Structure formats: structure tokens, C-alpha cells
């Protein structure tokens, strides 16, 4: 049974079990969007390494890869990191009156942010 998909959406962090299985079904060599909560060189870690290496491998296999994320820890809306396009969107937290110092801590350690504009823009891919 062959399954065709133009886009595979993947959100990080999450277990990578079954990644190879999922990619084998994308026979059209479409666009793969990686959607981490943040993606910047200044705060590089395991998630960023996995996304970068996975994207490089996918590009070498003929897929198109793109990273879609928030502007957490970066003011750039468009960027290229290791030849991978990165699109960043404005975001906010659900807490009202959050001080900048506390927002920075949430950006670095994993606060629950949301970006309505990112959802609106990326829904055209679905």
C-alpha cells in the first residue's frame, strides 16, 4: 500500500520512534516542515541538532525541508541555518503582565507559547 503526502508536519520535542517508517511513505518528495518551539544558534541543543541533521538528510534524499518556529530568542523573521530555511513568527504566552525577564526564562526553558499567525500561515499547507 502506497500513501502519498505532500507535507509531513513534525513537532518537537517528541520521540523519534518510527521516523524512518513515516518518511518511507512520502513518495512525492514533498515539503517537510519541522516545527520546534524555538530554533536559534545562540541556544543550540539536542532538539536543534536532531532537526538540522534530519533536514540535511532529507534534503540529500530529494525532499524539501523547512523549519517553522516562533521568534523566541530571535528577532529575525526569516533566516537560513546550515542551508535550511527558517521562518519565524511572533508569539505570546497565556500569562498576562509577564515581565521581560520572566519571558526570557520561559523562552529558554520551555514555556507554553502560542502563535496564531504561525498557525494561520501554515494552514495553507494542510
PDB file of N, CA and C in Angstrom:
ATOM      1  N   UNK A   1       0.846  -1.178   0.000  1.00  0.00           N
ATOM      2  CA  UNK A   1       0.000   0.000   0.000  1.00  0.00           C
ATOM      3  C   UNK A   1       0.885   1.232   0.000  1.00  0.00           C
ATOM      4  N   UNK A   2       0.650   2.148  -0.912  1.00  0.00           N
ATOM      5  CA  UNK A   2       1.446   3.368  -1.005  1.00  0.00           C
ATOM      6  C   UNK A   2       0.595   4.548  -0.569  1.00  0.00           C
ATOM      7  N   UNK A   3       1.168   5.340   0.279  1.00  0.00           N
ATOM      8  CA  UNK A   3       0.478   6.525   0.762  1.00  0.00           C
ATOM      9  C   UNK A   3       1.212   7.750   0.249  1.00  0.00           C
ATOM     10  N   UNK A   4       0.504   8.693  -0.341  1.00  0.00           N
ATOM     11  CA  UNK A   4       1.127   9.900  -0.855  1.00  0.00           C
ATOM     12  C   UNK A   4       0.766  11.079   0.037  1.00  0.00           C
ATOM     13  N   UNK A   5       1.771  11.852   0.353  1.00  0.00           N
ATOM     14  CA  UNK A   5       1.545  13.056   1.157  1.00  0.00           C
ATOM     15  C   UNK A   5       2.466  14.149   0.646  1.00  0.00           C
ATOM     16  N   UNK A   6       1.966  15.337   0.534  1.00  0.00           N
ATOM     17  CA  UNK A   6       2.801  16.459   0.110  1.00  0.00           C
ATOM     18  C   UNK A   6       3.577  17.057   1.266  1.00  0.00           C
ATOM     19  N   UNK A   7       3.041  16.982   2.464  1.00  0.00           N
ATOM     20  CA  UNK A   7       3.678  17.602   3.609  1.00  0.00           C
ATOM     21  C   UNK A   7       3.621  16.682   4.804  1.00  0.00           C
ATOM     22  N   UNK A   8       4.694  16.636   5.537  1.00  0.00           N
ATOM     23  CA  UNK A   8       4.726  15.921   6.804  1.00  0.00           C
ATOM     24  C   UNK A   8       5.018  16.952   7.875  1.00  0.00           C
ATOM     25  N   UNK A   9       4.109  17.124   8.809  1.00  0.00           N
ATOM     26  CA  UNK A   9       4.309  18.066   9.901  1.00  0.00           C
ATOM     27  C   UNK A   9       4.871  17.314  11.093  1.00  0.00           C
ATOM     28  N   UNK A  10       5.915  17.829  11.663  1.00  0.00           N
ATOM     29  CA  UNK A  10       6.518  17.171  12.820  1.00  0.00           C
ATOM     30  C   UNK A  10       6.785  18.240  13.871  1.00  0.00           C
ATOM     31  N   UNK A  11       6.339  18.001  15.056  1.00  0.00           N
ATOM     32  CA  UNK A  11       6.535  18.938  16.160  1.00  0.00           C
ATOM     33  C   UNK A  11       7.549  18.351  17.130  1.00  0.00           C
ATOM     34  N   UNK A  12       8.446  19.173  17.611  1.00  0.00           N
ATOM     35  CA  UNK A  12       9.494  18.745  18.545  1.00  0.00           C
ATOM     36  C   UNK A  12       9.307  19.460  19.854  1.00  0.00           C
ATOM     37  N   UNK A  13       9.750  18.992  20.980  1.00  0.00           N
ATOM     38  CA  UNK A  13      10.366  17.688  21.168  1.00  0.00           C
ATOM     39  C   UNK A  13       9.315  16.596  21.217  1.00  0.00           C
ATOM     40  N   UNK A  14       9.653  15.456  20.699  1.00  0.00           N
ATOM     41  CA  UNK A  14       8.823  14.262  20.741  1.00  0.00           C
ATOM     42  C   UNK A  14       9.704  13.073  20.416  1.00  0.00           C
ATOM     43  N   UNK A  15       9.285  11.879  20.754  1.00  0.00           N
ATOM     44  CA  UNK A  15      10.106  10.711  20.456  1.00  0.00           C
ATOM     45  C   UNK A  15      10.270  10.530  18.949  1.00  0.00           C
ATOM     46  N   UNK A  16      11.416  10.079  18.528  1.00  0.00           N
ATOM     47  CA  UNK A  16      11.681   9.897  17.107  1.00  0.00           C
ATOM     48  C   UNK A  16      11.425   8.469  16.650  1.00  0.00           C
ATOM     49  N   UNK A  17      10.713   7.696  17.444  1.00  0.00           N
ATOM     50  CA  UNK A  17      10.397   6.319  17.084  1.00  0.00           C
ATOM     51  C   UNK A  17       9.502   6.336  15.849  1.00  0.00           C
ATOM     52  N   UNK A  18       9.858   5.578  14.863  1.00  0.00           N
ATOM     53  CA  UNK A  18       9.042   5.467  13.654  1.00  0.00           C
ATOM     54  C   UNK A  18       9.278   6.541  12.623  1.00  0.00           C
ATOM     55  N   UNK A  19      10.307   7.361  12.772  1.00  0.00           N
ATOM     56  CA  UNK A  19      10.545   8.432  11.798  1.00  0.00           C
ATOM     57  C   UNK A  19      10.836   7.839  10.429  1.00  0.00           C
ATOM     58  N   UNK A  20      11.692   6.833  10.356  1.00  0.00           N
ATOM     59  CA  UNK A  20      12.024   6.230   9.075  1.00  0.00           C
ATOM     60  C   UNK A  20      10.773   5.650   8.422  1.00  0.00           C
ATOM     61  N   UNK A  21       9.940   5.016   9.207  1.00  0.00           N
ATOM     62  CA  UNK A  21       8.700   4.420   8.692  1.00  0.00           C
ATOM     63  C   UNK A  21       7.810   5.490   8.074  1.00  0.00           C
ATOM     64  N   UNK A  22       7.650   6.611   8.745  1.00  0.00           N
ATOM     65  CA  UNK A  22       6.787   7.676   8.229  1.00  0.00           C
ATOM     66  C   UNK A  22       7.354   8.255   6.937  1.00  0.00           C
ATOM     67  N   UNK A  23       8.670   8.438   6.859  1.00  0.00           N
ATOM     68  CA  UNK A  23       9.266   9.063   5.691  1.00  0.00           C
ATOM     69  C   UNK A  23       9.223   8.158   4.464  1.00  0.00           C
ATOM     70  N   UNK A  24       9.224   6.863   4.649  1.00  0.00           N
ATOM     71  CA  UNK A  24       9.171   5.947   3.522  1.00  0.00           C
ATOM     72  C   UNK A  24       7.860   6.073   2.750  1.00  0.00           C
ATOM     73  N   UNK A  25       6.808   6.520   3.390  1.00  0.00           N
ATOM     74  CA  UNK A  25       5.518   6.638   2.736  1.00  0.00           C
ATOM     75  C   UNK A  25       5.371   7.897   1.897  1.00  0.00           C
ATOM     76  N   UNK A  26       6.266   8.868   2.059  1.00  0.00           N
ATOM     77  CA  UNK A  26       6.143  10.113   1.307  1.00  0.00           C
ATOM     78  C   UNK A  26       6.827   9.951  -0.043  1.00  0.00           C
ATOM     79  N   UNK A  27       6.128   9.381  -0.994  1.00  0.00           N
ATOM     80  CA  UNK A  27       6.713   9.064  -2.286  1.00  0.00           C
ATOM     81  C   UNK A  27       6.782  10.275  -3.212  1.00  0.00           C
ATOM     82  N   UNK A  28       6.068  11.353  -2.922  1.00  0.00           N
ATOM     83  CA  UNK A  28       6.048  12.524  -3.789  1.00  0.00           C
ATOM     84  C   UNK A  28       7.220  13.458  -3.558  1.00  0.00           C
ATOM     85  N   UNK A  29       8.037  13.196  -2.566  1.00  0.00           N
ATOM     86  CA  UNK A  29       9.179  14.061  -2.226  1.00  0.00           C
ATOM     87  C   UNK A  29       8.709  15.493  -2.000  1.00  0.00           C
ATOM     88  N   UNK A  30       7.731  15.666  -1.139  1.00  0.00           N
ATOM     89  CA  UNK A  30       7.157  16.975  -0.861  1.00  0.00           C
ATOM     90  C   UNK A  30       7.940  17.745   0.178  1.00  0.00           C
ATOM     91  N   UNK A  31       7.312  18.747   0.730  1.00  0.00           N
ATOM     92  CA  UNK A  31       7.909  19.614   1.738  1.00  0.00           C
ATOM     93  C   UNK A  31       7.714  19.013   3.119  1.00  0.00           C
ATOM     94  N   UNK A  32       8.764  19.031   3.916  1.00  0.00           N
ATOM     95  CA  UNK A  32       8.676  18.564   5.295  1.00  0.00           C
ATOM     96  C   UNK A  32       8.924  19.767   6.199  1.00  0.00           C
ATOM     97  N   UNK A  33       7.924  20.083   7.019  1.00  0.00           N
ATOM     98  CA  UNK A  33       8.030  21.198   7.958  1.00  0.00           C
ATOM     99  C   UNK A  33       8.404  20.661   9.326  1.00  0.00           C
ATOM    100  N   UNK A  34       9.473  21.199   9.889  1.00  0.00           N
ATOM    101  CA  UNK A  34       9.841  20.909  11.273  1.00  0.00           C
ATOM    102  C   UNK A  34       9.371  22.092  12.102  1.00  0.00           C
ATOM    103  N   UNK A  35       8.653  21.821  13.193  1.00  0.00           N
ATOM    104  CA  UNK A  35       8.045  22.903  13.967  1.00  0.00           C
ATOM    105  C   UNK A  35       8.492  22.819  15.429  1.00  0.00           C
ATOM    106  N   UNK A  36       9.692  23.302  15.725  1.00  0.00           N
ATOM    107  CA  UNK A  36      10.112  23.369  17.129  1.00  0.00           C
ATOM    108  C   UNK A  36       9.567  24.632  17.774  1.00  0.00           C
ATOM    109  N   UNK A  37       9.583  24.698  19.089  1.00  0.00           N
ATOM    110  CA  UNK A  37       9.084  25.894  19.780  1.00  0.00           C
ATOM    111  C   UNK A  37      10.016  27.078  19.599  1.00  0.00           C
ATOM    112  N   UNK A  38      11.322  26.818  19.450  1.00  0.00           N
ATOM    113  CA  UNK A  38      12.306  27.861  19.132  1.00  0.00           C
ATOM    114  C   UNK A  38      13.447  27.208  18.375  1.00  0.00           C
ATOM    115  N   UNK A  39      14.185  28.016  17.601  1.00  0.00           N
ATOM    116  CA  UNK A  39      15.301  27.485  16.834  1.00  0.00           C
ATOM    117  C   UNK A  39      16.281  28.614  16.569  1.00  0.00           C
ATOM    118  N   UNK A  40      17.321  28.690  17.382  1.00  0.00           N
ATOM    119  CA  UNK A  40      18.359  29.718  17.242  1.00  0.00           C
ATOM    120  C   UNK A  40      19.731  29.099  17.502  1.00  0.00           C
ATOM    121  N   UNK A  41      20.761  29.663  16.874  1.00  0.00           N
ATOM    122  CA  UNK A  41      22.125  29.156  17.081  1.00  0.00           C
ATOM    123  C   UNK A  41      22.655  29.479  18.469  1.00  0.00           C
ATOM    124  N   UNK A  42      22.192  30.580  19.050  1.00  0.00           N
ATOM    125  CA  UNK A  42      22.735  31.006  20.352  1.00  0.00           C
ATOM    126  C   UNK A  42      22.334  30.080  21.498  1.00  0.00           C
ATOM    127  N   UNK A  43      21.278  29.317  21.342  1.00  0.00           N
ATOM    128  CA  UNK A  43      20.811  28.384  22.377  1.00  0.00           C
ATOM    129  C   UNK A  43      20.711  26.985  21.779  1.00  0.00           C
ATOM    130  N   UNK A  44      21.798  26.520  21.184  1.00  0.00           N
ATOM    131  CA  UNK A  44      21.811  25.248  20.471  1.00  0.00           C
ATOM    132  C   UNK A  44      21.775  24.089  21.446  1.00  0.00           C
ATOM    133  N   UNK A  45      20.984  23.083  21.133  1.00  0.00           N
ATOM    134  CA  UNK A  45      20.890  21.905  21.989  1.00  0.00           C
ATOM    135  C   UNK A  45      20.547  20.677  21.173  1.00  0.00           C
ATOM    136  N   UNK A  46      20.058  19.659  21.840  1.00  0.00           N
ATOM    137  CA  UNK A  46      19.757  18.389  21.194  1.00  0.00           C
ATOM    138  C   UNK A  46      18.647  18.479  20.166  1.00  0.00           C
ATOM    139  N   UNK A  47      17.596  19.216  20.487  1.00  0.00           N
ATOM    140  CA  UNK A  47      16.477  19.342  19.546  1.00  0.00           C
ATOM    141  C   UNK A  47      16.938  19.995  18.250  1.00  0.00           C
ATOM    142  N   UNK A  48      17.716  21.061  18.379  1.00  0.00           N
ATOM    143  CA  UNK A  48      18.215  21.758  17.195  1.00  0.00           C
ATOM    144  C   UNK A  48      19.130  20.861  16.356  1.00  0.00           C
ATOM    145  N   UNK A  49      19.948  20.068  17.029  1.00  0.00           N
ATOM    146  CA  UNK A  49      20.847  19.158  16.319  1.00  0.00           C
ATOM    147  C   UNK A  49      20.055  18.097  15.558  1.00  0.00           C
ATOM    148  N   UNK A  50      19.058  17.516  16.195  1.00  0.00           N
ATOM    149  CA  UNK A  50      18.247  16.486  15.540  1.00  0.00           C
ATOM    150  C   UNK A  50      17.516  17.065  14.334  1.00  0.00           C
ATOM    151  N   UNK A  51      16.922  18.234  14.488  1.00  0.00           N
ATOM    152  CA  UNK A  51      16.192  18.859  13.382  1.00  0.00           C
ATOM    153  C   UNK A  51      17.134  19.170  12.231  1.00  0.00           C
ATOM    154  N   UNK A  52      18.306  19.724  12.534  1.00  0.00           N
ATOM    155  CA  UNK A  52      19.265  20.086  11.494  1.00  0.00           C
ATOM    156  C   UNK A  52      19.762  18.850  10.744  1.00  0.00           C
ATOM    157  N   UNK A  53      20.177  17.839  11.473  1.00  0.00           N
ATOM    158  CA  UNK A  53      20.701  16.632  10.830  1.00  0.00           C
ATOM    159  C   UNK A  53      19.615  15.897  10.043  1.00  0.00           C
ATOM    160  N   UNK A  54      18.410  15.852  10.583  1.00  0.00           N
ATOM    161  CA  UNK A  54      17.300  15.227   9.864  1.00  0.00           C
ATOM    162  C   UNK A  54      16.991  15.989   8.578  1.00  0.00           C
ATOM    163  N   UNK A  55      16.965  17.310   8.671  1.00  0.00           N
ATOM    164  CA  UNK A  55      16.685  18.135   7.491  1.00  0.00           C
ATOM    165  C   UNK A  55      17.766  17.977   6.431  1.00  0.00           C
ATOM    166  N   UNK A  56      19.019  17.944   6.843  1.00  0.00           N
ATOM    167  CA  UNK A  56      20.115  17.740   5.883  1.00  0.00           C
ATOM    168  C   UNK A  56      19.964  16.402   5.163  1.00  0.00           C
ATOM    169  N   UNK A  57      19.628  15.363   5.914  1.00  0.00           N
ATOM    170  CA  UNK A  57      19.447  14.039   5.312  1.00  0.00           C
ATOM    171  C   UNK A  57      18.278  14.032   4.333  1.00  0.00           C
ATOM    172  N   UNK A  58      17.185  14.669   4.725  1.00  0.00           N
ATOM    173  CA  UNK A  58      16.015  14.719   3.851  1.00  0.00           C
ATOM    174  C   UNK A  58      16.307  15.485   2.570  1.00  0.00           C
ATOM    175  N   UNK A  59      17.031  16.593   2.688  1.00  0.00           N
ATOM    176  CA  UNK A  59      17.389  17.380   1.508  1.00  0.00           C
ATOM    177  C   UNK A  59      18.261  16.541   0.576  1.00  0.00           C
ATOM    178  N   UNK A  60      19.207  15.779   1.136  1.00  0.00           N
ATOM    179  CA  UNK A  60      20.069  14.934   0.302  1.00  0.00           C
ATOM    180  C   UNK A  60      19.279  13.817  -0.383  1.00  0.00           C
ATOM    181  N   UNK A  61      18.122  13.455   0.172  1.00  0.00           N
ATOM    182  CA  UNK A  61      17.260  12.427  -0.421  1.00  0.00           C
ATOM    183  C   UNK A  61      16.267  13.021  -1.425  1.00  0.00           C
ATOM    184  N   UNK A  62      16.310  14.331  -1.620  1.00  0.00           N
ATOM    185  CA  UNK A  62      15.444  14.964  -2.606  1.00  0.00           C
ATOM    186  C   UNK A  62      14.213  15.655  -2.049  1.00  0.00           C
ATOM    187  N   UNK A  63      14.030  15.630  -0.754  1.00  0.00           N
ATOM    188  CA  UNK A  63      12.910  16.327  -0.128  1.00  0.00           C
ATOM    189  C   UNK A  63      13.236  17.807   0.034  1.00  0.00           C
ATOM    190  N   UNK A  64      12.222  18.603   0.239  1.00  0.00           N
ATOM    191  CA  UNK A  64      12.397  19.998   0.629  1.00  0.00           C
ATOM    192  C   UNK A  64      12.121  20.056   2.124  1.00  0.00           C
ATOM    193  N   UNK A  65      12.978  20.734   2.858  1.00  0.00           N
ATOM    194  CA  UNK A  65      12.799  20.839   4.309  1.00  0.00           C
ATOM    195  C   UNK A  65      12.790  22.303   4.700  1.00  0.00           C
ATOM    196  N   UNK A  66      11.952  22.618   5.674  1.00  0.00           N
ATOM    197  CA  UNK A  66      11.832  23.992   6.161  1.00  0.00           C
ATOM    198  C   UNK A  66      11.562  23.927   7.652  1.00  0.00           C
ATOM    199  N   UNK A  67      12.070  24.905   8.382  1.00  0.00           N
ATOM    200  CA  UNK A  67      11.831  24.999   9.817  1.00  0.00           C
ATOM    201  C   UNK A  67      10.900  26.175  10.052  1.00  0.00           C
ATOM    202  N   UNK A  68       9.809  25.928  10.726  1.00  0.00           N
ATOM    203  CA  UNK A  68       8.821  26.955  11.058  1.00  0.00           C
ATOM    204  C   UNK A  68       8.756  27.010  12.577  1.00  0.00           C
ATOM    205  N   UNK A  69       8.986  28.196  13.131  1.00  0.00           N
ATOM    206  CA  UNK A  69       9.084  28.320  14.580  1.00  0.00           C
ATOM    207  C   UNK A  69       8.651  29.710  15.035  1.00  0.00           C
ATOM    208  N   UNK A  70       8.820  29.975  16.312  1.00  0.00           N
ATOM    209  CA  UNK A  70       8.493  31.297  16.857  1.00  0.00           C
ATOM    210  C   UNK A  70       9.745  32.180  16.887  1.00  0.00           C
ATOM    211  N   UNK A  71       9.550  33.443  17.177  1.00  0.00           N
ATOM    212  CA  UNK A  71      10.659  34.384  17.286  1.00  0.00           C
ATOM    213  C   UNK A  71      11.274  34.384  18.681  1.00  0.00           C
ATOM    214  N   UNK A  72      11.095  33.327  19.438  1.00  0.00           N
ATOM    215  CA  UNK A  72      11.693  33.236  20.764  1.00  0.00           C
ATOM    216  C   UNK A  72      13.212  33.280  20.629  1.00  0.00           C
ATOM    217  N   UNK A  73      13.840  34.195  21.330  1.00  0.00           N
ATOM    218  CA  UNK A  73      15.283  34.407  21.358  1.00  0.00           C
ATOM    219  C   UNK A  73      15.854  34.889  20.039  1.00  0.00           C
ATOM    220  N   UNK A  74      15.014  35.338  19.122  1.00  0.00           N
ATOM    221  CA  UNK A  74      15.474  35.886  17.846  1.00  0.00           C
ATOM    222  C   UNK A  74      14.457  36.888  17.334  1.00  0.00           C
ATOM    223  N   UNK A  75      14.947  37.974  16.782  1.00  0.00           N
ATOM    224  CA  UNK A  75      14.044  38.976  16.220  1.00  0.00           C
ATOM    225  C   UNK A  75      13.900  38.820  14.703  1.00  0.00           C
ATOM    226  N   UNK A  76      14.687  37.949  14.095  1.00  0.00           N
ATOM    227  CA  UNK A  76      14.627  37.738  12.647  1.00  0.00           C
ATOM    228  C   UNK A  76      13.376  36.931  12.293  1.00  0.00           C
ATOM    229  N   UNK A  77      12.705  37.350  11.232  1.00  0.00           N
ATOM    230  CA  UNK A  77      11.544  36.577  10.803  1.00  0.00           C
ATOM    231  C   UNK A  77      11.922  35.536   9.753  1.00  0.00           C
ATOM    232  N   UNK A  78      12.972  35.789   8.996  1.00  0.00           N
ATOM    233  CA  UNK A  78      13.468  34.828   8.013  1.00  0.00           C
ATOM    234  C   UNK A  78      14.959  34.641   8.236  1.00  0.00           C
ATOM    235  N   UNK A  79      15.406  33.413   8.121  1.00  0.00           N
ATOM    236  CA  UNK A  79      16.800  33.101   8.382  1.00  0.00           C
ATOM    237  C   UNK A  79      17.148  31.836   7.609  1.00  0.00           C
ATOM    238  N   UNK A  80      18.419  31.577   7.479  1.00  0.00           N
ATOM    239  CA  UNK A  80      18.900  30.324   6.913  1.00  0.00           C
ATOM    240  C   UNK A  80      19.983  29.805   7.829  1.00  0.00           C
ATOM    241  N   UNK A  81      19.805  28.594   8.328  1.00  0.00           N
ATOM    242  CA  UNK A  81      20.779  27.983   9.215  1.00  0.00           C
ATOM    243  C   UNK A  81      21.209  26.672   8.571  1.00  0.00           C
ATOM    244  N   UNK A  82      22.499  26.567   8.266  1.00  0.00           N
ATOM    245  CA  UNK A  82      23.055  25.391   7.590  1.00  0.00           C
ATOM    246  C   UNK A  82      22.280  25.060   6.317  1.00  0.00           C
ATOM    247  N   UNK A  83      22.024  26.081   5.517  1.00  0.00           N
ATOM    248  CA  UNK A  83      21.323  25.949   4.236  1.00  0.00           C
ATOM    249  C   UNK A  83      19.878  25.461   4.368  1.00  0.00           C
ATOM    250  N   UNK A  84      19.312  25.585   5.551  1.00  0.00           N
ATOM    251  CA  UNK A  84      17.916  25.206   5.778  1.00  0.00           C
ATOM    252  C   UNK A  84      17.125  26.478   6.058  1.00  0.00           C
ATOM    253  N   UNK A  85      16.079  26.769   5.282  1.00  0.00           N
ATOM    254  CA  UNK A  85      15.298  27.975   5.536  1.00  0.00           C
ATOM    255  C   UNK A  85      14.539  27.891   6.858  1.00  0.00           C
ATOM    256  N   UNK A  86      14.564  29.011   7.593  1.00  0.00           N
ATOM    257  CA  UNK A  86      13.876  29.109   8.875  1.00  0.00           C
ATOM    258  C   UNK A  86      12.911  30.285   8.803  1.00  0.00           C
ATOM    259  N   UNK A  87      11.646  30.041   9.059  1.00  0.00           N
ATOM    260  CA  UNK A  87      10.616  31.088   9.102  1.00  0.00           C
ATOM    261  C   UNK A  87      10.148  31.214  10.543  1.00  0.00           C
ATOM    262  N   UNK A  88      10.239  32.440  11.108  1.00  0.00           N
ATOM    263  CA  UNK A  88       9.832  32.667  12.495  1.00  0.00           C
ATOM    264  C   UNK A  88       8.622  33.597  12.546  1.00  0.00           C
ATOM    265  N   UNK A  89       7.767  33.323  13.540  1.00  0.00           N
ATOM    266  CA  UNK A  89       6.542  34.098  13.701  1.00  0.00           C
ATOM    267  C   UNK A  89       6.469  34.683  15.107  1.00  0.00           C
ATOM    268  N   UNK A  90       5.785  35.824  15.254  1.00  0.00           N
ATOM    269  CA  UNK A  90       5.571  36.385  16.594  1.00  0.00           C
ATOM    270  C   UNK A  90       4.757  35.410  17.447  1.00  0.00           C
ATOM    271  N   UNK A  91       4.908  35.522  18.738  1.00  0.00           N
ATOM    272  CA  UNK A  91       4.250  34.604  19.665  1.00  0.00           C
ATOM    273  C   UNK A  91       3.929  35.347  20.961  1.00  0.00           C
ATOM    274  N   UNK A  92       3.196  34.681  21.812  1.00  0.00           N
ATOM    275  CA  UNK A  92       2.927  35.238  23.145  1.00  0.00           C
ATOM    276  C   UNK A  92       2.670  34.081  24.104  1.00  0.00           C
ATOM    277  N   UNK A  93       2.650  34.423  25.361  1.00  0.00           N
ATOM    278  CA  UNK A  93       2.324  33.455  26.406  1.00  0.00           C
ATOM    279  C   UNK A  93       0.923  33.736  26.920  1.00  0.00           C
ATOM    280  N   UNK A  94       0.332  32.771  27.547  1.00  0.00           N
ATOM    281  CA  UNK A  94      -1.037  32.934  28.037  1.00  0.00           C
ATOM    282  C   UNK A  94      -1.101  33.730  29.332  1.00  0.00           C
ATOM    283  N   UNK A  95       0.033  34.042  29.909  1.00  0.00           N
ATOM    284  CA  UNK A  95       0.068  34.803  31.162  1.00  0.00           C
ATOM    285  C   UNK A  95       0.079  36.299  30.872  1.00  0.00           C
ATOM    286  N   UNK A  96      -0.853  37.019  31.449  1.00  0.00           N
ATOM    287  CA  UNK A  96      -0.903  38.473  31.275  1.00  0.00           C
ATOM    288  C   UNK A  96       0.075  39.138  32.228  1.00  0.00           C
ATOM    289  N   UNK A  97       0.663  40.248  31.800  1.00  0.00           N
ATOM    290  CA  UNK A  97       1.562  41.013  32.652  1.00  0.00           C
ATOM    291  C   UNK A  97       2.896  40.344  32.909  1.00  0.00           C
ATOM    292  N   UNK A  98       3.331  39.495  32.010  1.00  0.00           N
ATOM    293  CA  UNK A  98       4.589  38.779  32.168  1.00  0.00           C
ATOM    294  C   UNK A  98       5.759  39.736  31.936  1.00  0.00           C
ATOM    295  N   UNK A  99       6.659  39.837  32.887  1.00  0.00           N
ATOM    296  CA  UNK A  99       7.823  40.713  32.760  1.00  0.00           C
ATOM    297  C   UNK A  99       8.791  40.133  31.738  1.00  0.00           C
ATOM    298  N   UNK A 100       9.586  41.011  31.111  1.00  0.00           N
ATOM    299  CA  UNK A 100      10.526  40.579  30.081  1.00  0.00           C
ATOM    300  C   UNK A 100      11.519  39.548  30.603  1.00  0.00           C
ATOM    301  N   UNK A 101      11.970  39.722  31.852  1.00  0.00           N
ATOM    302  CA  UNK A 101      12.917  38.788  32.446  1.00  0.00           C
ATOM    303  C   UNK A 101      12.296  37.388  32.570  1.00  0.00           C
ATOM    304  N   UNK A 102      11.045  37.335  32.997  1.00  0.00           N
ATOM    305  CA  UNK A 102      10.355  36.053  33.115  1.00  0.00           C
ATOM    306  C   UNK A 102      10.053  35.441  31.746  1.00  0.00           C
ATOM    307  N   UNK A 103       9.744  36.298  30.777  1.00  0.00           N
ATOM    308  CA  UNK A 103       9.504  35.819  29.411  1.00  0.00           C
ATOM    309  C   UNK A 103      10.778  35.189  28.844  1.00  0.00           C
ATOM    310  N   UNK A 104      11.913  35.810  29.086  1.00  0.00           N
ATOM    311  CA  UNK A 104      13.189  35.266  28.617  1.00  0.00           C
ATOM    312  C   UNK A 104      13.469  33.896  29.245  1.00  0.00           C
ATOM    313  N   UNK A 105      13.163  33.772  30.525  1.00  0.00           N
ATOM    314  CA  UNK A 105      13.351  32.474  31.193  1.00  0.00           C
ATOM    315  C   UNK A 105      12.450  31.402  30.573  1.00  0.00           C
ATOM    316  N   UNK A 106      11.204  31.765  30.273  1.00  0.00           N
ATOM    317  CA  UNK A 106      10.295  30.809  29.626  1.00  0.00           C
ATOM    318  C   UNK A 106      10.773  30.461  28.217  1.00  0.00           C
ATOM    319  N   UNK A 107      11.303  31.456  27.507  1.00  0.00           N
ATOM    320  CA  UNK A 107      11.833  31.205  26.163  1.00  0.00           C
ATOM    321  C   UNK A 107      12.961  30.173  26.204  1.00  0.00           C
ATOM    322  N   UNK A 108      13.811  30.275  27.207  1.00  0.00           N
ATOM    323  CA  UNK A 108      14.968  29.386  27.299  1.00  0.00           C
ATOM    324  C   UNK A 108      14.620  28.013  27.853  1.00  0.00           C
ATOM    325  N   UNK A 109      13.697  27.938  28.787  1.00  0.00           N
ATOM    326  CA  UNK A 109      13.453  26.678  29.499  1.00  0.00           C
ATOM    327  C   UNK A 109      12.208  25.917  29.063  1.00  0.00           C
ATOM    328  N   UNK A 110      11.351  26.521  28.283  1.00  0.00           N
ATOM    329  CA  UNK A 110      10.227  25.729  27.780  1.00  0.00           C
ATOM    330  C   UNK A 110       8.856  26.170  28.210  1.00  0.00           C
ATOM    331  N   UNK A 111       8.558  27.441  28.112  1.00  0.00           N
ATOM    332  CA  UNK A 111       7.207  27.898  28.413  1.00  0.00           C
ATOM    333  C   UNK A 111       6.239  27.500  27.310  1.00  0.00           C
ATOM    334  N   UNK A 112       4.957  27.482  27.620  1.00  0.00           N
ATOM    335  CA  UNK A 112       3.924  27.124  26.644  1.00  0.00           C
ATOM    336  C   UNK A 112       3.483  28.365  25.885  1.00  0.00           C
ATOM    337  N   UNK A 113       4.062  28.572  24.736  1.00  0.00           N
ATOM    338  CA  UNK A 113       3.751  29.739  23.916  1.00  0.00           C
ATOM    339  C   UNK A 113       2.768  29.358  22.820  1.00  0.00           C
ATOM    340  N   UNK A 114       2.180  30.377  22.226  1.00  0.00           N
ATOM    341  CA  UNK A 114       1.333  30.126  21.070  1.00  0.00           C
ATOM    342  C   UNK A 114       1.524  31.238  20.062  1.00  0.00           C
ATOM    343  N   UNK A 115       1.296  30.923  18.796  1.00  0.00           N
ATOM    344  CA  UNK A 115       1.463  31.876  17.713  1.00  0.00           C
ATOM    345  C   UNK A 115       0.321  31.684  16.726  1.00  0.00           C
ATOM    346  N   UNK A 116      -0.638  32.564  16.827  1.00  0.00           N
ATOM    347  CA  UNK A 116      -1.804  32.466  15.944  1.00  0.00           C
ATOM    348  C   UNK A 116      -1.397  32.706  14.496  1.00  0.00           C
ATOM    349  N   UNK A 117      -0.499  33.641  14.278  1.00  0.00           N
ATOM    350  CA  UNK A 117      -0.072  33.942  12.914  1.00  0.00           C
ATOM    351  C   UNK A 117       0.621  32.734  12.272  1.00  0.00           C
ATOM    352  N   UNK A 118       1.419  32.004  13.047  1.00  0.00           N
ATOM    353  CA  UNK A 118       2.086  30.821  12.507  1.00  0.00           C
ATOM    354  C   UNK A 118       1.057  29.772  12.093  1.00  0.00           C
ATOM    355  N   UNK A 119       0.049  29.577  12.901  1.00  0.00           N
ATOM    356  CA  UNK A 119      -0.996  28.610  12.573  1.00  0.00           C
ATOM    357  C   UNK A 119      -1.736  29.040  11.316  1.00  0.00           C
ATOM    358  N   UNK A 120      -2.075  30.325  11.221  1.00  0.00           N
ATOM    359  CA  UNK A 120      -2.796  30.822  10.053  1.00  0.00           C
ATOM    360  C   UNK A 120      -1.982  30.651   8.771  1.00  0.00           C
ATOM    361  N   UNK A 121      -0.698  31.005   8.837  1.00  0.00           N
ATOM    362  CA  UNK A 121       0.144  30.924   7.664  1.00  0.00           C
ATOM    363  C   UNK A 121       0.420  29.490   7.220  1.00  0.00           C
ATOM    364  N   UNK A 122       0.592  28.593   8.170  1.00  0.00           N
ATOM    365  CA  UNK A 122       0.950  27.222   7.825  1.00  0.00           C
ATOM    366  C   UNK A 122      -0.246  26.363   7.480  1.00  0.00           C
ATOM    367  N   UNK A 123      -1.444  26.807   7.769  1.00  0.00           N
ATOM    368  CA  UNK A 123      -2.634  26.026   7.419  1.00  0.00           C
ATOM    369  C   UNK A 123      -2.799  25.896   5.911  1.00  0.00           C
ATOM    370  N   UNK A 124      -2.180  26.764   5.131  1.00  0.00           N
ATOM    371  CA  UNK A 124      -2.274  26.650   3.673  1.00  0.00           C
ATOM    372  C   UNK A 124      -1.586  25.389   3.175  1.00  0.00           C
ATOM    373  N   UNK A 125      -0.703  24.807   3.981  1.00  0.00           N
ATOM    374  CA  UNK A 125      -0.021  23.591   3.578  1.00  0.00           C
ATOM    375  C   UNK A 125      -0.855  22.348   3.818  1.00  0.00           C
ATOM    376  N   UNK A 126      -1.902  22.436   4.637  1.00  0.00           N
ATOM    377  CA  UNK A 126      -2.647  21.231   5.010  1.00  0.00           C
ATOM    378  C   UNK A 126      -3.683  20.834   3.977  1.00  0.00           C
TER     379      UNK A 126
END
